[in-house]
PDB file of N, CA and C in Angstrom:
ATOM      1  N   MET A   1       0.826  -1.194   0.000  1.00  0.00           N
ATOM      2  CA  MET A   1       0.000   0.000   0.000  1.00  0.00           C
ATOM      3  C   MET A   1       0.869   1.257   0.000  1.00  0.00           C
ATOM      4  N   GLU A   2       2.157   1.101  -0.143  1.00  0.00           N
ATOM      5  CA  GLU A   2       3.064   2.250  -0.163  1.00  0.00           C
ATOM      6  C   GLU A   2       2.733   3.234  -1.274  1.00  0.00           C
ATOM      7  N   LYS A   3       2.344   2.711  -2.412  1.00  0.00           N
ATOM      8  CA  LYS A   3       2.102   3.563  -3.576  1.00  0.00           C
ATOM      9  C   LYS A   3       0.707   4.172  -3.617  1.00  0.00           C
ATOM     10  N   PHE A   4      -0.139   3.819  -2.659  1.00  0.00           N
ATOM     11  CA  PHE A   4      -1.514   4.322  -2.683  1.00  0.00           C
ATOM     12  C   PHE A   4      -1.555   5.839  -2.770  1.00  0.00           C
ATOM     13  N   GLY A   5      -0.793   6.521  -1.936  1.00  0.00           N
ATOM     14  CA  GLY A   5      -0.795   7.982  -1.927  1.00  0.00           C
ATOM     15  C   GLY A   5      -0.350   8.575  -3.249  1.00  0.00           C
ATOM     16  N   VAL A   6       0.668   7.962  -3.837  1.00  0.00           N
ATOM     17  CA  VAL A   6       1.167   8.421  -5.131  1.00  0.00           C
ATOM     18  C   VAL A   6       0.105   8.202  -6.205  1.00  0.00           C
ATOM     19  N   LYS A   7      -0.526   7.046  -6.168  1.00  0.00           N
ATOM     20  CA  LYS A   7      -1.581   6.751  -7.146  1.00  0.00           C
ATOM     21  C   LYS A   7      -2.755   7.704  -6.984  1.00  0.00           C
ATOM     22  N   LEU A   8      -3.139   7.964  -5.744  1.00  0.00           N
ATOM     23  CA  LEU A   8      -4.254   8.877  -5.488  1.00  0.00           C
ATOM     24  C   LEU A   8      -3.939  10.262  -6.049  1.00  0.00           C
ATOM     25  N   LYS A   9      -2.753  10.753  -5.790  1.00  0.00           N
ATOM     26  CA  LYS A   9      -2.353  12.073  -6.283  1.00  0.00           C
ATOM     27  C   LYS A   9      -2.327  12.097  -7.807  1.00  0.00           C
ATOM     28  N   THR A  10      -1.799  11.043  -8.408  1.00  0.00           N
ATOM     29  CA  THR A  10      -1.747  10.951  -9.870  1.00  0.00           C
ATOM     30  C   THR A  10      -3.151  10.982 -10.466  1.00  0.00           C
ATOM     31  N   LEU A  11      -4.045  10.177  -9.923  1.00  0.00           N
ATOM     32  CA  LEU A  11      -5.421  10.137 -10.429  1.00  0.00           C
ATOM     33  C   LEU A  11      -6.118  11.480 -10.250  1.00  0.00           C
ATOM     34  N   ARG A  12      -5.923  12.080  -9.101  1.00  0.00           N
ATOM     35  CA  ARG A  12      -6.553  13.381  -8.828  1.00  0.00           C
ATOM     36  C   ARG A  12      -6.084  14.404  -9.859  1.00  0.00           C
ATOM     37  N   LYS A  13      -4.790  14.448 -10.107  1.00  0.00           N
ATOM     38  CA  LYS A  13      -4.249  15.423 -11.064  1.00  0.00           C
ATOM     39  C   LYS A  13      -4.684  15.099 -12.492  1.00  0.00           C
ATOM     40  N   GLN A  14      -4.723  13.818 -12.842  1.00  0.00           N
ATOM     41  CA  GLN A  14      -5.181  13.430 -14.181  1.00  0.00           C
ATOM     42  C   GLN A  14      -6.606  13.895 -14.441  1.00  0.00           C
ATOM     43  N   HIS A  15      -7.385  13.980 -13.393  1.00  0.00           N
ATOM     44  CA  HIS A  15      -8.774  14.422 -13.513  1.00  0.00           C
ATOM     45  C   HIS A  15      -8.925  15.918 -13.258  1.00  0.00           C
ATOM     46  N   GLY A  16      -7.799  16.617 -13.142  1.00  0.00           N
ATOM     47  CA  GLY A  16      -7.824  18.068 -13.006  1.00  0.00           C
ATOM     48  C   GLY A  16      -8.458  18.556 -11.720  1.00  0.00           C
ATOM     49  N   MET A  17      -8.296  17.801 -10.653  1.00  0.00           N
ATOM     50  CA  MET A  17      -8.931  18.151  -9.386  1.00  0.00           C
ATOM     51  C   MET A  17      -7.895  18.604  -8.362  1.00  0.00           C
ATOM     52  N   THR A  18      -8.289  19.561  -7.555  1.00  0.00           N
ATOM     53  CA  THR A  18      -7.479  19.946  -6.411  1.00  0.00           C
ATOM     54  C   THR A  18      -7.834  19.008  -5.251  1.00  0.00           C
ATOM     55  N   GLN A  19      -7.035  19.054  -4.200  1.00  0.00           N
ATOM     56  CA  GLN A  19      -7.362  18.265  -3.016  1.00  0.00           C
ATOM     57  C   GLN A  19      -8.722  18.684  -2.456  1.00  0.00           C
ATOM     58  N   ARG A  20      -8.975  19.985  -2.455  1.00  0.00           N
ATOM     59  CA  ARG A  20     -10.265  20.479  -1.949  1.00  0.00           C
ATOM     60  C   ARG A  20     -11.426  19.977  -2.800  1.00  0.00           C
ATOM     61  N   GLU A  21     -11.270  19.993  -4.116  1.00  0.00           N
ATOM     62  CA  GLU A  21     -12.343  19.521  -4.998  1.00  0.00           C
ATOM     63  C   GLU A  21     -12.611  18.033  -4.793  1.00  0.00           C
ATOM     64  N   LEU A  22     -11.540  17.253  -4.695  1.00  0.00           N
ATOM     65  CA  LEU A  22     -11.707  15.825  -4.479  1.00  0.00           C
ATOM     66  C   LEU A  22     -12.377  15.562  -3.137  1.00  0.00           C
ATOM     67  N   ALA A  23     -11.912  16.235  -2.125  1.00  0.00           N
ATOM     68  CA  ALA A  23     -12.500  16.067  -0.791  1.00  0.00           C
ATOM     69  C   ALA A  23     -13.981  16.423  -0.794  1.00  0.00           C
ATOM     70  N   SER A  24     -14.325  17.507  -1.457  1.00  0.00           N
ATOM     71  CA  SER A  24     -15.719  17.926  -1.535  1.00  0.00           C
ATOM     72  C   SER A  24     -16.566  16.880  -2.257  1.00  0.00           C
ATOM     73  N   THR A  25     -16.047  16.351  -3.337  1.00  0.00           N
ATOM     74  CA  THR A  25     -16.743  15.320  -4.098  1.00  0.00           C
ATOM     75  C   THR A  25     -16.975  14.072  -3.248  1.00  0.00           C
ATOM     76  N   LEU A  26     -15.986  13.747  -2.419  1.00  0.00           N
ATOM     77  CA  LEU A  26     -16.062  12.541  -1.595  1.00  0.00           C
ATOM     78  C   LEU A  26     -16.769  12.776  -0.266  1.00  0.00           C
ATOM     79  N   GLY A  27     -16.978  14.048   0.088  1.00  0.00           N
ATOM     80  CA  GLY A  27     -17.623  14.364   1.351  1.00  0.00           C
ATOM     81  C   GLY A  27     -16.726  14.177   2.564  1.00  0.00           C
ATOM     82  N   ILE A  28     -15.427  14.468   2.378  1.00  0.00           N
ATOM     83  CA  ILE A  28     -14.473  14.337   3.483  1.00  0.00           C
ATOM     84  C   ILE A  28     -13.658  15.618   3.600  1.00  0.00           C
ATOM     85  N   ALA A  29     -12.882  15.735   4.669  1.00  0.00           N
ATOM     86  CA  ALA A  29     -12.043  16.913   4.882  1.00  0.00           C
ATOM     87  C   ALA A  29     -10.871  16.907   3.904  1.00  0.00           C
ATOM     88  N   HIS A  30     -10.557  18.090   3.357  1.00  0.00           N
ATOM     89  CA  HIS A  30      -9.483  18.136   2.361  1.00  0.00           C
ATOM     90  C   HIS A  30      -8.127  17.778   2.968  1.00  0.00           C
ATOM     91  N   GLY A  31      -7.953  18.026   4.245  1.00  0.00           N
ATOM     92  CA  GLY A  31      -6.700  17.671   4.899  1.00  0.00           C
ATOM     93  C   GLY A  31      -6.448  16.168   4.889  1.00  0.00           C
ATOM     94  N   PHE A  32      -7.534  15.392   4.914  1.00  0.00           N
ATOM     95  CA  PHE A  32      -7.393  13.938   4.883  1.00  0.00           C
ATOM     96  C   PHE A  32      -6.826  13.481   3.550  1.00  0.00           C
ATOM     97  N   ILE A  33      -7.197  14.152   2.465  1.00  0.00           N
ATOM     98  CA  ILE A  33      -6.647  13.817   1.144  1.00  0.00           C
ATOM     99  C   ILE A  33      -5.136  14.027   1.161  1.00  0.00           C
ATOM    100  N   GLY A  34      -4.699  15.159   1.678  1.00  0.00           N
ATOM    101  CA  GLY A  34      -3.268  15.435   1.773  1.00  0.00           C
ATOM    102  C   GLY A  34      -2.539  14.396   2.604  1.00  0.00           C
ATOM    103  N   GLU A  35      -3.153  13.984   3.695  1.00  0.00           N
ATOM    104  CA  GLU A  35      -2.533  12.968   4.553  1.00  0.00           C
ATOM    105  C   GLU A  35      -2.447  11.618   3.844  1.00  0.00           C
ATOM    106  N   LEU A  36      -3.459  11.288   3.057  1.00  0.00           N
ATOM    107  CA  LEU A  36      -3.406  10.045   2.284  1.00  0.00           C
ATOM    108  C   LEU A  36      -2.330  10.124   1.213  1.00  0.00           C
ATOM    109  N   GLU A  37      -2.263  11.247   0.519  1.00  0.00           N
ATOM    110  CA  GLU A  37      -1.284  11.388  -0.563  1.00  0.00           C
ATOM    111  C   GLU A  37       0.158  11.360  -0.067  1.00  0.00           C
ATOM    112  N   THR A  38       0.395  11.870   1.122  1.00  0.00           N
ATOM    113  CA  THR A  38       1.762  11.889   1.658  1.00  0.00           C
ATOM    114  C   THR A  38       2.092  10.658   2.484  1.00  0.00           C
ATOM    115  N   GLY A  39       1.110   9.803   2.712  1.00  0.00           N
ATOM    116  CA  GLY A  39       1.351   8.590   3.470  1.00  0.00           C
ATOM    117  C   GLY A  39       1.256   8.756   4.975  1.00  0.00           C
ATOM    118  N   ARG A  40       0.865   9.932   5.428  1.00  0.00           N
ATOM    119  CA  ARG A  40       0.697  10.119   6.871  1.00  0.00           C
ATOM    120  C   ARG A  40      -0.500   9.354   7.405  1.00  0.00           C
ATOM    121  N   LYS A  41      -1.481   9.157   6.560  1.00  0.00           N
ATOM    122  CA  LYS A  41      -2.642   8.314   6.893  1.00  0.00           C
ATOM    123  C   LYS A  41      -2.645   7.165   5.898  1.00  0.00           C
ATOM    124  N   MET A  42      -2.820   5.971   6.415  1.00  0.00           N
ATOM    125  CA  MET A  42      -2.778   4.795   5.543  1.00  0.00           C
ATOM    126  C   MET A  42      -4.012   3.923   5.744  1.00  0.00           C
ATOM    127  N   ASN A  43      -5.092   4.517   6.239  1.00  0.00           N
ATOM    128  CA  ASN A  43      -6.248   3.701   6.578  1.00  0.00           C
ATOM    129  C   ASN A  43      -7.555   4.200   5.965  1.00  0.00           C
ATOM    130  N   PRO A  44      -7.620   4.322   4.633  1.00  0.00           N
ATOM    131  CA  PRO A  44      -8.896   4.727   4.047  1.00  0.00           C
ATOM    132  C   PRO A  44      -9.936   3.626   4.241  1.00  0.00           C
ATOM    133  N   SER A  45     -11.160   4.018   4.468  1.00  0.00           N
ATOM    134  CA  SER A  45     -12.231   3.038   4.663  1.00  0.00           C
ATOM    135  C   SER A  45     -12.584   2.367   3.340  1.00  0.00           C
ATOM    136  N   VAL A  46     -13.218   1.227   3.436  1.00  0.00           N
ATOM    137  CA  VAL A  46     -13.688   0.526   2.241  1.00  0.00           C
ATOM    138  C   VAL A  46     -14.685   1.403   1.494  1.00  0.00           C
ATOM    139  N   HIS A  47     -15.508   2.128   2.233  1.00  0.00           N
ATOM    140  CA  HIS A  47     -16.480   3.036   1.621  1.00  0.00           C
ATOM    141  C   HIS A  47     -15.772   4.109   0.789  1.00  0.00           C
ATOM    142  N   LEU A  48     -14.729   4.701   1.344  1.00  0.00           N
ATOM    143  CA  LEU A  48     -13.956   5.715   0.614  1.00  0.00           C
ATOM    144  C   LEU A  48     -13.265   5.104  -0.596  1.00  0.00           C
ATOM    145  N   LEU A  49     -12.675   3.938  -0.432  1.00  0.00           N
ATOM    146  CA  LEU A  49     -12.005   3.273  -1.555  1.00  0.00           C
ATOM    147  C   LEU A  49     -12.985   2.962  -2.677  1.00  0.00           C
ATOM    148  N   THR A  50     -14.186   2.557  -2.311  1.00  0.00           N
ATOM    149  CA  THR A  50     -15.211   2.285  -3.316  1.00  0.00           C
ATOM    150  C   THR A  50     -15.564   3.554  -4.079  1.00  0.00           C
ATOM    151  N   LYS A  51     -15.711   4.658  -3.364  1.00  0.00           N
ATOM    152  CA  LYS A  51     -15.997   5.938  -4.027  1.00  0.00           C
ATOM    153  C   LYS A  51     -14.870   6.321  -4.976  1.00  0.00           C
ATOM    154  N   LEU A  52     -13.628   6.115  -4.557  1.00  0.00           N
ATOM    155  CA  LEU A  52     -12.477   6.465  -5.399  1.00  0.00           C
ATOM    156  C   LEU A  52     -12.426   5.602  -6.657  1.00  0.00           C
ATOM    157  N   THR A  53     -12.664   4.300  -6.517  1.00  0.00           N
ATOM    158  CA  THR A  53     -12.609   3.431  -7.697  1.00  0.00           C
ATOM    159  C   THR A  53     -13.696   3.814  -8.700  1.00  0.00           C
ATOM    160  N   ARG A  54     -14.857   4.196  -8.203  1.00  0.00           N
ATOM    161  CA  ARG A  54     -15.947   4.607  -9.108  1.00  0.00           C
ATOM    162  C   ARG A  54     -15.655   5.963  -9.744  1.00  0.00           C
ATOM    163  N   LEU A  55     -15.190   6.891  -8.944  1.00  0.00           N
ATOM    164  CA  LEU A  55     -14.912   8.238  -9.442  1.00  0.00           C
ATOM    165  C   LEU A  55     -13.837   8.224 -10.523  1.00  0.00           C
ATOM    166  N   PHE A  56     -12.762   7.478 -10.280  1.00  0.00           N
ATOM    167  CA  PHE A  56     -11.625   7.473 -11.199  1.00  0.00           C
ATOM    168  C   PHE A  56     -11.657   6.310 -12.193  1.00  0.00           C
ATOM    169  N   ASP A  57     -12.700   5.476 -12.117  1.00  0.00           N
ATOM    170  CA  ASP A  57     -12.872   4.343 -13.025  1.00  0.00           C
ATOM    171  C   ASP A  57     -11.625   3.451 -13.053  1.00  0.00           C
ATOM    172  N   VAL A  58     -11.206   3.041 -11.863  1.00  0.00           N
ATOM    173  CA  VAL A  58     -10.088   2.114 -11.714  1.00  0.00           C
ATOM    174  C   VAL A  58     -10.543   0.956 -10.837  1.00  0.00           C
ATOM    175  N   SER A  59      -9.819  -0.135 -10.915  1.00  0.00           N
ATOM    176  CA  SER A  59     -10.150  -1.278 -10.070  1.00  0.00           C
ATOM    177  C   SER A  59      -9.546  -1.081  -8.675  1.00  0.00           C
ATOM    178  N   PHE A  60     -10.058  -1.851  -7.746  1.00  0.00           N
ATOM    179  CA  PHE A  60      -9.520  -1.837  -6.394  1.00  0.00           C
ATOM    180  C   PHE A  60      -8.037  -2.218  -6.426  1.00  0.00           C
ATOM    181  N   ASP A  61      -7.694  -3.229  -7.237  1.00  0.00           N
ATOM    182  CA  ASP A  61      -6.290  -3.648  -7.349  1.00  0.00           C
ATOM    183  C   ASP A  61      -5.409  -2.539  -7.898  1.00  0.00           C
ATOM    184  N   GLN A  62      -5.881  -1.839  -8.919  1.00  0.00           N
ATOM    185  CA  GLN A  62      -5.081  -0.733  -9.469  1.00  0.00           C
ATOM    186  C   GLN A  62      -4.811   0.323  -8.407  1.00  0.00           C
ATOM    187  N   LEU A  63      -5.764   0.543  -7.544  1.00  0.00           N
ATOM    188  CA  LEU A  63      -5.635   1.574  -6.526  1.00  0.00           C
ATOM    189  C   LEU A  63      -4.805   1.106  -5.338  1.00  0.00           C
ATOM    190  N   MET A  64      -4.988  -0.119  -4.900  1.00  0.00           N
ATOM    191  CA  MET A  64      -4.411  -0.569  -3.635  1.00  0.00           C
ATOM    192  C   MET A  64      -3.179  -1.460  -3.749  1.00  0.00           C
ATOM    193  N   ASP A  65      -3.057  -2.224  -4.816  1.00  0.00           N
ATOM    194  CA  ASP A  65      -1.972  -3.194  -4.919  1.00  0.00           C
ATOM    195  C   ASP A  65      -0.722  -2.513  -5.482  1.00  0.00           C
ATOM    196  N   ASP A  66       0.346  -2.507  -4.700  1.00  0.00           N
ATOM    197  CA  ASP A  66       1.595  -1.870  -5.135  1.00  0.00           C
ATOM    198  C   ASP A  66       2.186  -2.528  -6.380  1.00  0.00           C
ATOM    199  N   ARG A  67       1.815  -3.767  -6.619  1.00  0.00           N
ATOM    200  CA  ARG A  67       2.357  -4.486  -7.796  1.00  0.00           C
ATOM    201  C   ARG A  67       1.613  -4.144  -9.072  1.00  0.00           C
ATOM    202  N   VAL A  68       0.451  -3.515  -8.961  1.00  0.00           N
ATOM    203  CA  VAL A  68      -0.377  -3.189 -10.124  1.00  0.00           C
ATOM    204  C   VAL A  68      -0.257  -1.705 -10.422  1.00  0.00           C
ATOM    205  N   GLU A  69       0.161  -1.395 -11.617  1.00  0.00           N
ATOM    206  CA  GLU A  69       0.334   0.008 -12.022  1.00  0.00           C
ATOM    207  C   GLU A  69      -0.961   0.553 -12.607  1.00  0.00           C
ATOM    208  N   LEU A  70      -1.088   1.867 -12.538  1.00  0.00           N
ATOM    209  CA  LEU A  70      -2.206   2.551 -13.196  1.00  0.00           C
ATOM    210  C   LEU A  70      -1.969   2.516 -14.700  1.00  0.00           C
ATOM    211  N   GLU A  71      -3.038   2.452 -15.448  1.00  0.00           N
ATOM    212  CA  GLU A  71      -2.910   2.450 -16.914  1.00  0.00           C
ATOM    213  C   GLU A  71      -3.071   3.831 -17.451  1.00  0.00           C
TER     214      GLU A  71
END
């Protein structure tokens, strides 16, 4: 799960979103996005992960598995 934060940041930027915009879309605090992207927080809920996979149209494995790269 080391790469989760990097993947999240990459996906967010690919979709032209700021941390605040992503947080607003997900209904969470924007500071939490920053903590996830930098690895300070490593415990996103399954509910949040589901929202991210749907929003960015990626699989759970693409998002969470360090061995699986984003396409």
